[in-house]
Amino acid sequence: MALTLSAIQMDSDKNADINLDNLKRLVAELSPRPEQIVLLPENAFSVSGKACYLRLAETLGEGYYQTQLANLAKQYQCYLVCGSFPIKSAQQGKIHTSCLVFSPLGKLLNYYHKLHLFDAQVSDSRGAYKESDTFVAGQEIQLFDCLNDKQTVKVGLAICYDLRFPGLFQALRAAGADIILLPAAFTKVTGKAHWLPLLQARAIENQCYIIAANQGGKNTYGHSMIISPWGEVLQQLQQGEGIIQTLFDKSLLQQVRSDMPVIEHNRFKNSLRE
């Protein structure tokens, strides 16, 4: 059975239980195939502020909401990837914002603590964003093995603001990634200006499939999409809640890389490889 790639676009608010109900409904609508990759957006359970994230935070691998995600993955026998969830850290008063990967058996397969924190001025109603007040930055790149039809496909993990740092994506490609996941809560202002060109650039540069699941609410840009290794937008959803999916074409990936072996031609070292 061919590997199916999918993204769920949400319009999450502050209430984690309401968001969980919406998530369950959207996954049911998608009705994933066994071993399908299902990507949720960043802040899937809550789009809020520091106090709310601290209350919601769980110990890695434990807690009510992580159990709900594990059960969903097991129910549909899919790779369910929560774009980000607040995870407790060793630092007092701060937490990680972490991508959590659940296997078709309902096990926490891997996790990724967001490396690049969004501290920026944006010309919207909020104005200033400073994730470093709430979150502790991660230190390592992360991938996981997706087993499909007795073949292994390597999948790299990134979150939102990471998209602006090509070195991270190059490091994932050097580590063997064929697919890179990018959950996000990109703002409308930054999304309108940069979302599509950055996603296409990361796909083209690294000759990987990119699955991008964005929040699609009042202040977020939406436009979740799946992009081919050649940079083509294969599927896209604009605003609101919804789902997109397409098939992973290993032969296309191999052809693109064979016709233009940019990794072999690259004469610059990537410090994250070392």
Protein backbone atom coordinates (compact mmCIF):
# COMPACT_ATOMS: atom_id res chain seq x y z
CA MET A 1 0.00 0.00 0.00
CA ALA A 2 1.39 3.39 -1.00
CA LEU A 3 2.27 5.81 1.79
CA THR A 4 -0.31 8.57 2.22
CA LEU A 5 0.79 12.01 3.44
CA SER A 6 -1.77 14.22 5.16
CA ALA A 7 -2.16 17.41 7.13
CA ILE A 8 -4.99 18.64 9.33
CA GLN A 9 -5.62 22.37 9.52
CA MET A 10 -7.25 23.54 12.75
CA ASP A 11 -8.66 26.72 14.22
CA SER A 12 -7.60 26.10 17.80
CA ASP A 13 -8.57 28.40 20.66
CA LYS A 14 -7.62 28.44 24.35
CA ASN A 15 -9.80 25.49 25.40
CA ALA A 16 -7.82 22.25 25.14
CA ASP A 17 -10.88 19.99 25.56
CA ILE A 18 -12.82 21.70 22.77
CA ASN A 19 -9.73 21.50 20.56
CA LEU A 20 -9.40 17.80 21.38
CA ASP A 21 -13.01 17.18 20.34
CA ASN A 22 -12.40 19.06 17.07
CA LEU A 23 -9.23 17.09 16.49
CA LYS A 24 -11.01 13.77 16.98
CA ARG A 25 -13.74 14.85 14.55
CA LEU A 26 -11.23 15.90 11.89
CA VAL A 27 -9.23 12.68 12.23
CA ALA A 28 -12.46 10.71 11.87
CA GLU A 29 -13.28 12.68 8.69
CA LEU A 30 -9.82 11.91 7.35
CA SER A 31 -10.19 8.23 8.32
CA PRO A 32 -6.46 7.54 7.87
CA ARG A 33 -5.19 4.39 6.21
CA PRO A 34 -2.89 2.14 8.22
CA GLU A 35 0.63 3.64 8.42
CA GLN A 36 -0.53 6.98 7.00
CA ILE A 37 1.30 10.12 8.21
CA VAL A 38 -1.14 12.56 9.84
CA LEU A 39 0.31 15.96 10.78
CA LEU A 40 -1.43 18.36 13.17
CA PRO A 41 -0.55 22.08 13.38
CA GLU A 42 1.53 23.84 16.02
CA ASN A 43 -0.39 24.58 19.25
CA ALA A 44 -3.03 22.03 18.28
CA PHE A 45 -4.46 21.92 21.81
CA SER A 46 -4.28 25.59 22.69
CA VAL A 47 -3.48 28.92 21.06
CA SER A 48 -2.97 31.08 24.11
CA GLY A 49 -0.33 32.59 26.39
CA LYS A 50 2.28 31.56 28.93
CA ALA A 51 -0.02 30.90 31.89
CA CYS A 52 -2.26 28.60 29.86
CA TYR A 53 0.68 26.69 28.37
CA LEU A 54 2.20 26.16 31.81
CA ARG A 55 -1.10 24.75 33.13
CA LEU A 56 -1.47 22.47 30.11
CA ALA A 57 2.13 21.19 30.12
CA GLU A 58 2.73 17.49 30.73
CA THR A 59 5.78 15.38 31.43
CA LEU A 60 7.10 13.87 28.22
CA GLY A 61 5.38 10.55 27.55
CA GLU A 62 2.82 10.99 30.32
CA GLY A 63 -0.47 12.76 30.84
CA TYR A 64 -4.08 12.91 29.69
CA TYR A 65 -3.62 14.65 26.33
CA GLN A 66 -0.64 12.57 25.26
CA THR A 67 -2.69 9.47 26.10
CA GLN A 68 -5.51 10.77 23.90
CA LEU A 69 -3.07 11.21 21.00
CA ALA A 70 -1.61 7.74 21.55
CA ASN A 71 -5.08 6.23 21.52
CA LEU A 72 -5.99 7.99 18.27
CA ALA A 73 -2.81 6.76 16.60
CA LYS A 74 -3.54 3.21 17.73
CA GLN A 75 -7.21 3.39 16.74
CA TYR A 76 -6.36 4.37 13.15
CA GLN A 77 -2.99 2.57 13.05
CA CYS A 78 -1.37 5.74 11.70
CA TYR A 79 1.67 7.89 12.42
CA LEU A 80 0.01 10.75 14.30
CA VAL A 81 2.25 13.79 14.69
CA CYS A 82 1.10 16.48 17.10
CA GLY A 83 2.63 19.64 15.67
CA SER A 84 3.45 20.97 19.10
CA PHE A 85 2.43 20.40 22.70
CA PRO A 86 3.77 22.04 25.90
CA ILE A 87 6.21 19.67 27.61
CA LYS A 88 7.73 20.28 31.05
CA SER A 89 11.41 21.22 31.12
CA ALA A 90 14.12 21.21 33.78
CA GLN A 91 14.05 25.02 33.86
CA GLN A 92 11.75 26.58 36.45
CA GLY A 93 8.88 28.55 34.94
CA LYS A 94 9.59 27.51 31.36
CA ILE A 95 8.61 24.61 29.15
CA HIS A 96 9.42 23.10 25.76
CA THR A 97 7.14 23.40 22.76
CA SER A 98 7.50 19.95 21.28
CA CYS A 99 6.48 17.95 18.24
CA LEU A 100 5.29 14.50 19.38
CA VAL A 101 5.30 11.47 17.06
CA PHE A 102 3.02 8.53 17.88
CA SER A 103 3.39 5.21 16.08
CA PRO A 104 0.57 3.04 14.67
CA LEU A 105 0.89 1.01 17.88
CA GLY A 106 0.14 4.10 19.96
CA LYS A 107 3.69 4.50 21.27
CA LEU A 108 5.60 7.78 21.56
CA LEU A 109 8.08 7.11 18.78
CA ASN A 110 10.06 10.35 18.93
CA TYR A 111 9.83 14.01 19.88
CA TYR A 112 11.39 17.28 18.79
CA HIS A 113 11.84 20.37 20.99
CA LYS A 114 11.55 23.48 18.79
CA LEU A 115 15.02 24.84 18.06
CA HIS A 116 14.25 28.39 16.94
CA LEU A 117 11.98 30.51 19.13
CA PHE A 118 9.88 33.27 17.56
CA ASP A 119 10.93 36.59 19.11
CA ALA A 120 9.82 39.18 16.58
CA GLN A 121 7.85 42.34 15.88
CA VAL A 122 4.89 41.79 13.57
CA SER A 123 2.57 44.49 12.24
CA ASP A 124 -0.65 42.86 13.45
CA SER A 125 -2.97 43.42 16.43
CA ARG A 126 -0.59 41.63 18.79
CA GLY A 127 2.57 43.40 17.62
CA ALA A 128 5.24 41.61 19.63
CA TYR A 129 5.91 37.88 19.93
CA LYS A 130 8.46 36.52 22.39
CA GLU A 131 8.40 32.75 22.69
CA SER A 132 11.62 32.76 24.70
CA ASP A 133 9.64 34.14 27.68
CA THR A 134 7.75 30.83 27.82
CA PHE A 135 9.80 28.17 26.07
CA VAL A 136 13.25 26.61 26.30
CA ALA A 137 14.85 26.06 22.91
CA GLY A 138 15.72 22.53 21.83
CA GLN A 139 19.26 21.45 21.07
CA GLU A 140 19.02 18.61 18.52
CA ILE A 141 17.50 17.77 15.16
CA GLN A 142 15.14 14.80 15.12
CA LEU A 143 13.83 12.31 12.58
CA PHE A 144 11.76 9.16 12.75
CA ASP A 145 11.42 6.05 10.61
CA CYS A 146 8.07 5.54 8.93
CA LEU A 147 7.61 1.89 7.99
CA ASN A 148 5.41 1.42 4.93
CA ASP A 149 4.98 -1.66 2.77
CA LYS A 150 8.16 -3.14 4.27
CA GLN A 151 10.16 -0.04 3.32
CA THR A 152 11.55 2.64 5.63
CA VAL A 153 11.03 6.31 4.87
CA LYS A 154 12.90 8.83 7.01
CA VAL A 155 10.87 11.81 8.19
CA GLY A 156 12.42 15.00 9.59
CA LEU A 157 10.78 17.33 12.13
CA ALA A 158 10.65 21.13 12.30
CA ILE A 159 8.22 23.68 13.78
CA CYS A 160 7.00 27.03 12.39
CA TYR A 161 9.80 29.63 12.80
CA ASP A 162 12.34 26.89 12.00
CA LEU A 163 11.24 27.37 8.38
CA ARG A 164 13.41 30.50 8.13
CA PHE A 165 16.61 28.59 8.91
CA PRO A 166 17.71 26.53 5.89
CA GLY A 167 20.61 24.97 7.79
CA LEU A 168 18.16 22.94 9.87
CA PHE A 169 16.50 21.51 6.77
CA GLN A 170 19.89 20.80 5.19
CA ALA A 171 20.88 18.91 8.33
CA LEU A 172 17.68 16.85 8.16
CA ARG A 173 18.33 16.07 4.50
CA ALA A 174 21.93 15.08 5.31
CA ALA A 175 20.56 12.74 7.98
CA GLY A 176 18.49 10.98 5.33
CA ALA A 177 15.13 12.76 5.34
CA ASP A 178 12.82 12.07 2.39
CA ILE A 179 9.93 13.96 3.99
CA ILE A 180 10.06 16.97 6.32
CA LEU A 181 7.10 17.97 8.50
CA LEU A 182 6.44 21.62 9.30
CA PRO A 183 3.58 22.26 11.73
CA ALA A 184 2.99 25.96 12.28
CA ALA A 185 0.92 28.83 13.61
CA PHE A 186 2.22 31.35 11.05
CA THR A 187 0.61 34.77 11.45
CA LYS A 188 -1.44 36.25 8.63
CA VAL A 189 1.08 39.05 8.08
CA THR A 190 4.19 36.86 7.88
CA GLY A 191 2.31 34.07 6.14
CA LYS A 192 1.04 36.25 3.32
CA ALA A 193 4.56 37.55 2.72
CA HIS A 194 6.74 34.47 3.18
CA TRP A 195 4.88 31.18 3.79
CA LEU A 196 4.73 29.83 0.22
CA PRO A 197 8.18 30.94 -1.01
CA LEU A 198 9.90 29.59 2.11
CA LEU A 199 8.13 26.24 1.91
CA GLN A 200 8.90 25.87 -1.77
CA ALA A 201 12.53 26.85 -1.23
CA ARG A 202 13.01 24.26 1.53
CA ALA A 203 11.46 21.56 -0.68
CA ILE A 204 13.51 22.50 -3.75
CA GLU A 205 16.82 22.97 -1.92
CA ASN A 206 16.61 19.65 -0.15
CA GLN A 207 14.64 17.67 -2.74
CA CYS A 208 12.21 16.47 -0.08
CA TYR A 209 8.46 16.33 0.32
CA ILE A 210 7.28 19.07 2.67
CA ILE A 211 4.07 18.63 4.66
CA ALA A 212 3.02 21.92 6.26
CA ALA A 213 0.07 22.05 8.67
CA ASN A 214 -0.78 25.58 9.74
CA GLN A 215 -3.38 27.01 12.07
CA GLY A 216 -6.19 28.54 10.02
CA GLY A 217 -7.91 30.89 12.44
CA LYS A 218 -8.59 34.61 12.79
CA ASN A 219 -4.96 35.68 13.25
CA THR A 220 -3.19 32.79 11.50
CA TYR A 221 -2.59 32.35 7.81
CA GLY A 222 -3.81 28.83 7.11
CA HIS A 223 -2.79 27.61 3.64
CA SER A 224 -1.66 24.20 4.85
CA MET A 225 -0.04 22.41 1.94
CA ILE A 226 1.95 19.46 0.66
CA ILE A 227 4.85 20.24 -1.68
CA SER A 228 6.76 17.85 -3.93
CA PRO A 229 10.58 17.54 -4.09
CA TRP A 230 10.38 19.60 -7.29
CA GLY A 231 8.60 22.42 -5.47
CA GLU A 232 5.11 21.83 -6.81
CA VAL A 233 2.15 22.51 -4.52
CA LEU A 234 0.32 19.18 -4.65
CA GLN A 235 -2.44 19.99 -2.18
CA GLN A 236 -3.49 23.18 -0.40
CA LEU A 237 -6.23 24.33 1.96
CA GLN A 238 -6.70 28.04 2.51
CA GLN A 239 -8.59 29.11 5.66
CA GLY A 240 -10.60 27.35 8.34
CA GLU A 241 -10.52 23.73 9.42
CA GLY A 242 -9.97 20.89 7.02
CA ILE A 243 -7.75 18.12 5.71
CA ILE A 244 -5.43 17.57 2.75
CA GLN A 245 -3.67 14.43 1.59
CA THR A 246 -1.69 12.95 -1.28
CA LEU A 247 0.45 9.90 -2.03
CA PHE A 248 4.20 9.73 -1.46
CA ASP A 249 5.95 8.97 -4.76
CA LYS A 250 9.35 7.43 -4.04
CA SER A 251 10.18 7.18 -7.75
CA LEU A 252 9.63 10.94 -8.22
CA LEU A 253 11.88 11.66 -5.25
CA GLN A 254 14.62 9.45 -6.65
CA GLN A 255 14.28 10.93 -10.14
CA VAL A 256 14.57 14.53 -8.92
CA ARG A 257 17.67 13.67 -6.88
CA SER A 258 19.25 11.68 -9.70
CA ASP A 259 18.66 14.33 -12.37
CA MET A 260 20.11 17.11 -10.22
CA PRO A 261 22.32 15.71 -7.40
CA VAL A 262 22.59 18.96 -5.45
CA ILE A 263 23.72 17.23 -2.26
CA GLU A 264 26.76 15.84 -4.07
CA HIS A 265 27.46 19.21 -5.68
CA ASN A 266 27.23 21.21 -2.44
CA ARG A 267 30.67 22.61 -1.54
CA PHE A 268 29.62 24.22 1.73
CA LYS A 269 29.70 22.42 5.06
CA ASN A 270 26.68 22.47 7.31
CA SER A 271 27.75 22.88 10.94
CA LEU A 272 24.71 20.93 12.15
CA ARG A 273 26.01 17.81 10.38
CA GLU A 274 29.15 17.70 12.47
